[in-house]
Protein backbone atom coordinates (compact mmCIF):
# COMPACT_ATOMS: atom_id res chain seq x y z
CA MET A 1 22.24 -6.84 -42.04
CA LEU A 2 19.93 -4.56 -39.71
CA ASN A 3 18.73 -1.22 -40.95
CA PHE A 4 17.50 0.62 -38.16
CA GLY A 5 15.70 3.18 -40.08
CA SER A 6 13.06 5.76 -41.31
CA LEU A 7 10.11 4.41 -43.32
CA ASN A 8 8.17 7.45 -44.97
CA ILE A 9 4.69 7.80 -47.22
CA ASP A 10 6.00 9.67 -50.27
CA HIS A 11 4.12 12.45 -51.81
CA VAL A 12 5.56 13.06 -55.21
CA TYR A 13 4.47 16.44 -57.84
CA ARG A 14 6.04 16.62 -61.06
CA VAL A 15 6.65 20.30 -61.80
CA ASP A 16 7.76 22.52 -64.55
CA HIS A 17 10.67 23.61 -62.20
CA ILE A 18 11.38 23.91 -57.94
CA VAL A 19 8.83 26.46 -56.49
CA ARG A 20 10.58 29.81 -55.04
CA PRO A 21 9.75 31.45 -52.27
CA GLY A 22 6.42 33.33 -52.55
CA GLU A 23 5.29 31.25 -55.74
CA THR A 24 2.31 29.04 -56.28
CA LEU A 25 2.88 26.73 -58.72
CA ALA A 26 0.63 23.89 -60.14
CA SER A 27 1.66 19.98 -60.77
CA ASP A 28 0.56 18.20 -63.95
CA ARG A 29 0.93 14.88 -61.74
CA TYR A 30 0.78 13.46 -58.26
CA GLU A 31 1.99 9.70 -57.00
CA ILE A 32 2.03 8.46 -53.93
CA PHE A 33 5.07 6.02 -53.32
CA ALA A 34 6.89 4.35 -50.42
CA GLY A 35 9.76 5.77 -49.14
CA GLY A 36 12.33 6.83 -46.23
CA LYS A 37 15.75 6.60 -46.67
CA GLY A 38 15.88 3.94 -44.27
CA ALA A 39 13.10 1.95 -45.63
CA ASN A 40 14.33 2.43 -49.67
CA GLN A 41 18.23 1.02 -48.60
CA SER A 42 16.54 -1.86 -47.21
CA ALA A 43 14.59 -2.72 -50.39
CA ALA A 44 17.90 -1.72 -52.12
CA LEU A 45 19.56 -3.99 -49.99
CA ALA A 46 17.02 -7.11 -50.69
CA LEU A 47 16.74 -6.39 -54.35
CA ALA A 48 20.68 -6.26 -54.32
CA GLY A 49 20.29 -10.13 -53.03
CA ALA A 50 21.32 -9.34 -49.22
CA GLN A 51 19.56 -10.30 -46.08
CA VAL A 52 18.21 -7.60 -44.19
CA ALA A 53 16.26 -6.52 -41.27
CA HIS A 54 14.30 -3.07 -40.77
CA ALA A 55 13.87 -1.88 -37.48
CA GLY A 56 11.60 1.28 -37.34
CA ARG A 57 8.15 2.96 -36.15
CA ILE A 58 5.10 3.32 -38.26
CA GLY A 59 1.36 4.55 -37.78
CA THR A 60 -1.86 2.02 -38.73
CA ASP A 61 -1.75 4.29 -42.02
CA GLY A 62 1.78 3.00 -42.88
CA CYS A 63 1.00 -0.80 -42.42
CA TRP A 64 1.61 -1.16 -46.43
CA LEU A 65 4.94 0.29 -46.16
CA ARG A 66 6.07 -2.57 -43.70
CA ASP A 67 4.01 -4.86 -45.94
CA GLY A 68 5.51 -3.91 -49.47
CA LEU A 69 9.13 -4.60 -47.78
CA GLU A 70 8.17 -7.68 -46.44
CA GLN A 71 6.99 -8.87 -49.97
CA LEU A 72 10.98 -8.33 -50.99
CA GLY A 73 12.11 -10.59 -48.08
CA VAL A 74 12.74 -7.77 -45.57
CA ASP A 75 12.35 -9.21 -41.99
CA VAL A 76 9.79 -6.57 -40.72
CA SER A 77 9.34 -8.19 -37.21
CA ASN A 78 11.05 -5.27 -35.75
CA ILE A 79 9.15 -2.56 -37.11
CA VAL A 80 6.50 -1.22 -34.16
CA VAL A 81 3.05 -0.16 -35.62
CA ASP A 82 1.89 2.63 -33.16
CA ALA A 83 -2.09 3.34 -33.49
CA ASP A 84 -1.35 6.98 -31.80
CA ILE A 85 1.08 8.53 -34.04
CA PRO A 86 1.15 8.98 -38.23
CA THR A 87 3.43 7.52 -40.13
CA GLY A 88 6.38 9.69 -41.28
CA HIS A 89 5.76 11.18 -44.82
CA ALA A 90 8.00 13.43 -47.50
CA VAL A 91 6.45 15.91 -50.08
CA ILE A 92 8.66 16.05 -53.06
CA GLN A 93 8.79 17.97 -56.06
CA VAL A 94 10.29 16.78 -58.65
CA ASP A 95 11.73 19.04 -62.09
CA ALA A 96 9.91 17.43 -64.89
CA ALA A 97 13.21 18.63 -67.27
CA SER A 98 16.03 17.46 -65.04
CA GLY A 99 14.65 14.94 -62.46
CA GLU A 100 16.47 16.89 -59.66
CA ASN A 101 14.15 16.77 -56.62
CA ALA A 102 13.27 18.94 -53.49
CA ILE A 103 11.84 17.27 -50.10
CA PHE A 104 10.55 18.52 -46.88
CA LEU A 105 9.66 15.72 -44.33
CA TYR A 106 7.63 15.28 -41.67
CA PRO A 107 9.13 12.79 -39.18
CA GLY A 108 6.01 10.90 -37.67
CA GLY A 109 6.53 7.74 -36.23
CA ASN A 110 10.33 8.21 -37.27
CA HIS A 111 10.66 10.53 -34.23
CA GLU A 112 8.79 8.43 -31.98
CA ILE A 113 11.58 6.00 -31.35
CA THR A 114 12.08 4.98 -27.74
CA SER A 115 15.30 3.65 -25.62
CA GLY A 116 13.09 0.62 -24.74
CA GLN A 117 12.11 -0.04 -28.54
CA ILE A 118 16.16 -0.18 -29.08
CA GLN A 119 16.62 -2.74 -26.58
CA ALA A 120 14.09 -5.18 -27.86
CA VAL A 121 15.58 -4.65 -31.33
CA PHE A 122 18.91 -5.60 -30.17
CA SER A 123 17.90 -8.10 -28.07
CA ASN A 124 15.77 -9.84 -30.98
CA ILE A 125 18.98 -9.63 -33.41
CA LEU A 126 21.86 -10.59 -32.09
CA ASN A 127 23.68 -12.54 -34.86
CA ILE A 128 24.38 -9.38 -37.40
CA PRO A 129 27.42 -8.71 -39.75
CA ILE A 130 26.68 -4.97 -39.72
CA LEU A 131 23.92 -1.94 -38.64
CA LEU A 132 23.25 0.55 -40.81
CA LEU A 133 21.91 3.85 -40.02
CA GLN A 134 20.92 7.15 -41.52
CA ASN A 135 19.71 10.52 -39.81
CA GLU A 136 15.57 10.54 -40.13
CA ILE A 137 15.09 8.67 -36.47
CA ARG A 138 15.54 9.68 -33.34
CA LEU A 139 18.30 8.53 -30.84
CA VAL A 140 20.92 7.55 -33.52
CA PRO A 141 23.51 8.65 -31.02
CA ASP A 142 22.02 5.58 -28.49
CA ILE A 143 21.69 3.05 -31.23
CA ILE A 144 25.25 3.29 -32.64
CA ARG A 145 26.66 3.19 -28.63
CA GLU A 146 24.72 0.41 -28.03
CA ALA A 147 25.75 -1.20 -31.17
CA ASP A 148 29.38 -0.40 -30.50
CA LYS A 149 28.52 -2.24 -26.69
CA LEU A 150 27.53 -5.61 -28.56
CA ASN A 151 30.79 -5.21 -31.08
CA PHE A 152 28.49 -4.63 -34.08
CA PRO A 153 30.27 -3.08 -36.80
CA ILE A 154 28.42 0.62 -37.92
CA CYS A 155 27.91 1.95 -41.32
CA LEU A 156 26.28 5.26 -41.13
CA ASN A 157 24.72 7.78 -43.53
CA PRO A 158 24.09 10.90 -41.79
CA ALA A 159 21.55 12.05 -44.19
CA PRO A 160 19.52 14.22 -43.94
CA PHE A 161 22.34 16.15 -42.78
CA SER A 162 21.94 18.45 -39.32
CA ASP A 163 24.78 20.19 -37.27
CA ASP A 164 24.31 18.28 -33.93
CA VAL A 165 25.93 14.75 -36.18
CA ASN A 166 29.13 16.53 -35.50
CA GLU A 167 28.20 15.43 -31.51
CA TRP A 168 27.30 12.10 -32.59
CA PRO A 169 30.13 9.20 -31.24
CA LEU A 170 31.52 9.13 -35.15
CA ASP A 171 34.39 7.67 -33.82
CA LEU A 172 32.45 4.40 -33.52
CA VAL A 173 31.51 4.40 -36.97
CA ASP A 174 33.26 1.76 -39.06
CA LEU A 175 31.82 3.24 -42.74
CA LEU A 176 30.93 6.77 -43.05
CA ILE A 177 28.70 7.10 -46.33
CA VAL A 178 28.48 10.56 -46.92
CA ASN A 179 27.69 13.25 -50.10
CA GLU A 180 29.14 16.47 -50.78
CA THR A 181 26.91 18.54 -48.43
CA GLU A 182 27.15 16.34 -45.62
CA ALA A 183 31.06 15.48 -45.92
CA ALA A 184 31.32 19.46 -46.12
CA GLY A 185 29.12 19.64 -42.95
CA LEU A 186 31.15 17.43 -40.77
CA ALA A 187 34.94 18.55 -42.28
CA ALA A 188 33.95 22.11 -41.19
CA ALA A 189 34.64 22.90 -45.30
CA GLY A 190 33.10 24.82 -48.04
CA ASP A 191 31.05 23.33 -50.27
CA ALA A 192 33.24 24.40 -53.25
CA GLU A 193 36.07 22.30 -51.72
CA SER A 194 37.23 19.46 -54.00
CA PRO A 195 36.04 15.78 -53.01
CA GLU A 196 39.66 14.58 -52.25
CA VAL A 197 40.42 17.41 -49.75
CA LEU A 198 36.96 16.51 -48.27
CA ILE A 199 38.13 12.96 -47.72
CA ASP A 200 41.19 14.24 -46.54
CA ALA A 201 39.43 16.07 -43.61
CA LEU A 202 37.49 13.18 -42.91
CA ARG A 203 39.90 10.86 -43.01
CA SER A 204 42.25 13.56 -40.52
CA ARG A 205 39.28 13.81 -38.04
CA TRP A 206 38.29 9.76 -38.33
CA PRO A 207 41.45 7.83 -39.12
CA GLN A 208 40.23 4.49 -38.66
CA THR A 209 36.84 5.12 -40.43
CA GLU A 210 36.16 4.11 -44.10
CA ILE A 211 34.70 6.67 -45.85
CA LEU A 212 32.41 6.28 -48.84
CA LEU A 213 31.82 9.72 -50.69
CA THR A 214 28.78 9.77 -53.39
CA LEU A 215 29.21 12.44 -56.00
CA GLY A 216 26.06 12.04 -57.53
CA ASP A 217 26.62 12.32 -61.74
CA HIS A 218 30.24 12.41 -60.86
CA GLY A 219 30.23 9.02 -59.40
CA ALA A 220 31.87 8.09 -55.86
CA ILE A 221 35.16 7.93 -53.67
CA LEU A 222 35.91 4.78 -51.39
CA ALA A 223 39.02 5.69 -49.18
CA GLY A 224 40.36 3.72 -46.47
CA PRO A 225 43.44 3.62 -44.25
CA ASP A 226 45.08 1.37 -47.10
CA GLN A 227 43.24 2.22 -50.76
CA ARG A 228 41.39 5.33 -51.87
CA LEU A 229 39.13 3.55 -55.21
CA GLN A 230 36.68 5.57 -57.58
CA VAL A 231 34.25 5.11 -59.82
CA ASP A 232 32.21 6.96 -62.40
CA ALA A 233 28.71 7.42 -62.64
CA VAL A 234 26.75 5.19 -64.80
CA SER A 235 24.27 6.25 -67.58
CA VAL A 236 21.79 4.20 -68.70
CA GLY A 237 19.29 6.45 -69.92
CA VAL A 238 17.65 10.10 -69.69
CA PRO A 239 17.19 10.74 -65.64
CA ILE A 240 13.50 11.49 -64.40
CA ASP A 241 13.80 11.08 -61.03
CA THR A 242 17.23 11.14 -58.45
CA THR A 243 14.78 10.49 -55.35
CA ALA A 244 16.35 7.19 -54.69
CA ALA A 245 19.88 7.05 -56.13
CA GLY A 246 21.67 7.72 -53.10
CA ASP A 247 19.58 4.84 -51.31
CA THR A 248 20.27 2.60 -54.52
CA PHE A 249 23.78 3.09 -54.27
CA ILE A 250 24.12 2.41 -50.78
CA GLY A 251 22.09 -0.72 -50.71
CA TYR A 252 23.79 -2.29 -53.70
CA PHE A 253 27.20 -1.19 -52.11
CA LEU A 254 26.54 -2.63 -49.14
CA ALA A 255 25.19 -6.15 -50.52
CA ALA A 256 28.33 -6.58 -52.50
CA ARG A 257 30.49 -5.68 -49.34
CA ILE A 258 28.40 -8.16 -47.30
CA ALA A 259 29.06 -10.75 -50.14
CA GLU A 260 32.82 -10.09 -50.00
CA ILE A 261 33.21 -8.93 -53.61
CA PRO A 262 35.74 -6.65 -54.19
CA PRO A 263 35.65 -3.25 -53.23
CA GLU A 264 36.20 -1.83 -56.77
CA ILE A 265 32.89 -4.29 -58.33
CA CYS A 266 30.84 -3.40 -55.27
CA LEU A 267 31.25 0.41 -56.47
CA GLN A 268 30.53 -0.33 -60.17
CA ARG A 269 27.29 -2.57 -59.10
CA ALA A 270 26.35 0.43 -56.88
CA ALA A 271 26.71 2.90 -60.01
CA THR A 272 25.32 1.16 -62.37
CA ALA A 273 22.33 0.33 -60.02
CA ALA A 274 22.08 4.15 -58.86
CA GLY A 275 22.00 4.67 -62.95
CA ILE A 276 19.12 2.36 -63.68
CA ALA A 277 17.28 4.39 -60.57
CA VAL A 278 17.26 7.89 -61.98
CA THR A 279 15.47 6.43 -65.21
CA ARG A 280 12.11 5.61 -63.14
CA ALA A 281 9.91 7.63 -61.20
CA GLY A 282 9.70 7.25 -57.48
CA ALA A 283 11.72 5.92 -54.57
CA ARG A 284 11.46 2.63 -53.64
CA SER A 285 9.74 1.71 -57.07
CA SER A 286 12.91 3.13 -58.96
CA ILE A 287 15.61 0.58 -57.49
CA PRO A 288 16.67 -1.96 -59.45
CA ARG A 289 16.59 -5.93 -59.12
CA VAL A 290 19.65 -7.57 -59.36
CA ASP A 291 19.41 -9.15 -62.65
CA GLU A 292 18.73 -5.96 -64.47
CA VAL A 293 22.14 -4.69 -62.90
CA GLN A 294 23.72 -7.98 -63.78
CA MET A 295 22.42 -7.64 -67.49
CA ILE A 296 24.30 -4.19 -68.02
CA LEU A 297 27.12 -5.35 -66.22
CA GLY A 298 27.45 -8.77 -68.18
CA GLU A 299 27.94 -10.65 -64.88
């Protein structure tokens, strides 16, 4: 799998509650983690046993992010180190009681992806079963079109969501992975709409696209032309940090999908991995190893 995605340095602050407008709030813990939705998903894929190549752009301050992925077995030969830019970073507040978070991003190298880099990546990697994308790098529509020319199956997780995603060539996407907020934005529906209504709206707009709707602590629904499957969330302990739950779910689902495992088992593995991740602090550091998931599932 080729994941053309972000790499971020995560600055994580534990707080009593998410800060409100005009409020100054003290944090009792500060930590730095490797993050970025793209890198998190590559890490989850690798930890789940998949072969994955990551493409992206960082500054010299982010070389440790690349090295960390390489240690997990990710092919990092298409990560460009640019000495003229800073690496993207995120400031993350984590509610100490609930584990819920609030995040703002500085894109850094993630928004310095160039057309030349896109061409170079696809020249280097030709025999790839699927392409994975998120919405933390620039030129995603160009990457989608280039992948389509080469007949790469395309998996898109348009997170974090922005209105311009509606202008992307989403008809070229084979698997669309969204949470309820992203689904509502694409379906032009309110956040109060039921998951089934959201899926129906997305399937109506893109009838040939498979939809994976993640529902947080309510599990997930996979909907394609011929079937609709649902999995419940899996609880393995007290949630302390939900930062990488979605990325963990995506990585484990896709790793199982690539291995041609039945879809209901793909969903169960993904839900179990995400259930483990929320009991740990950090983004990449919270993603479990495949043997941990298998032990809980009795595989």
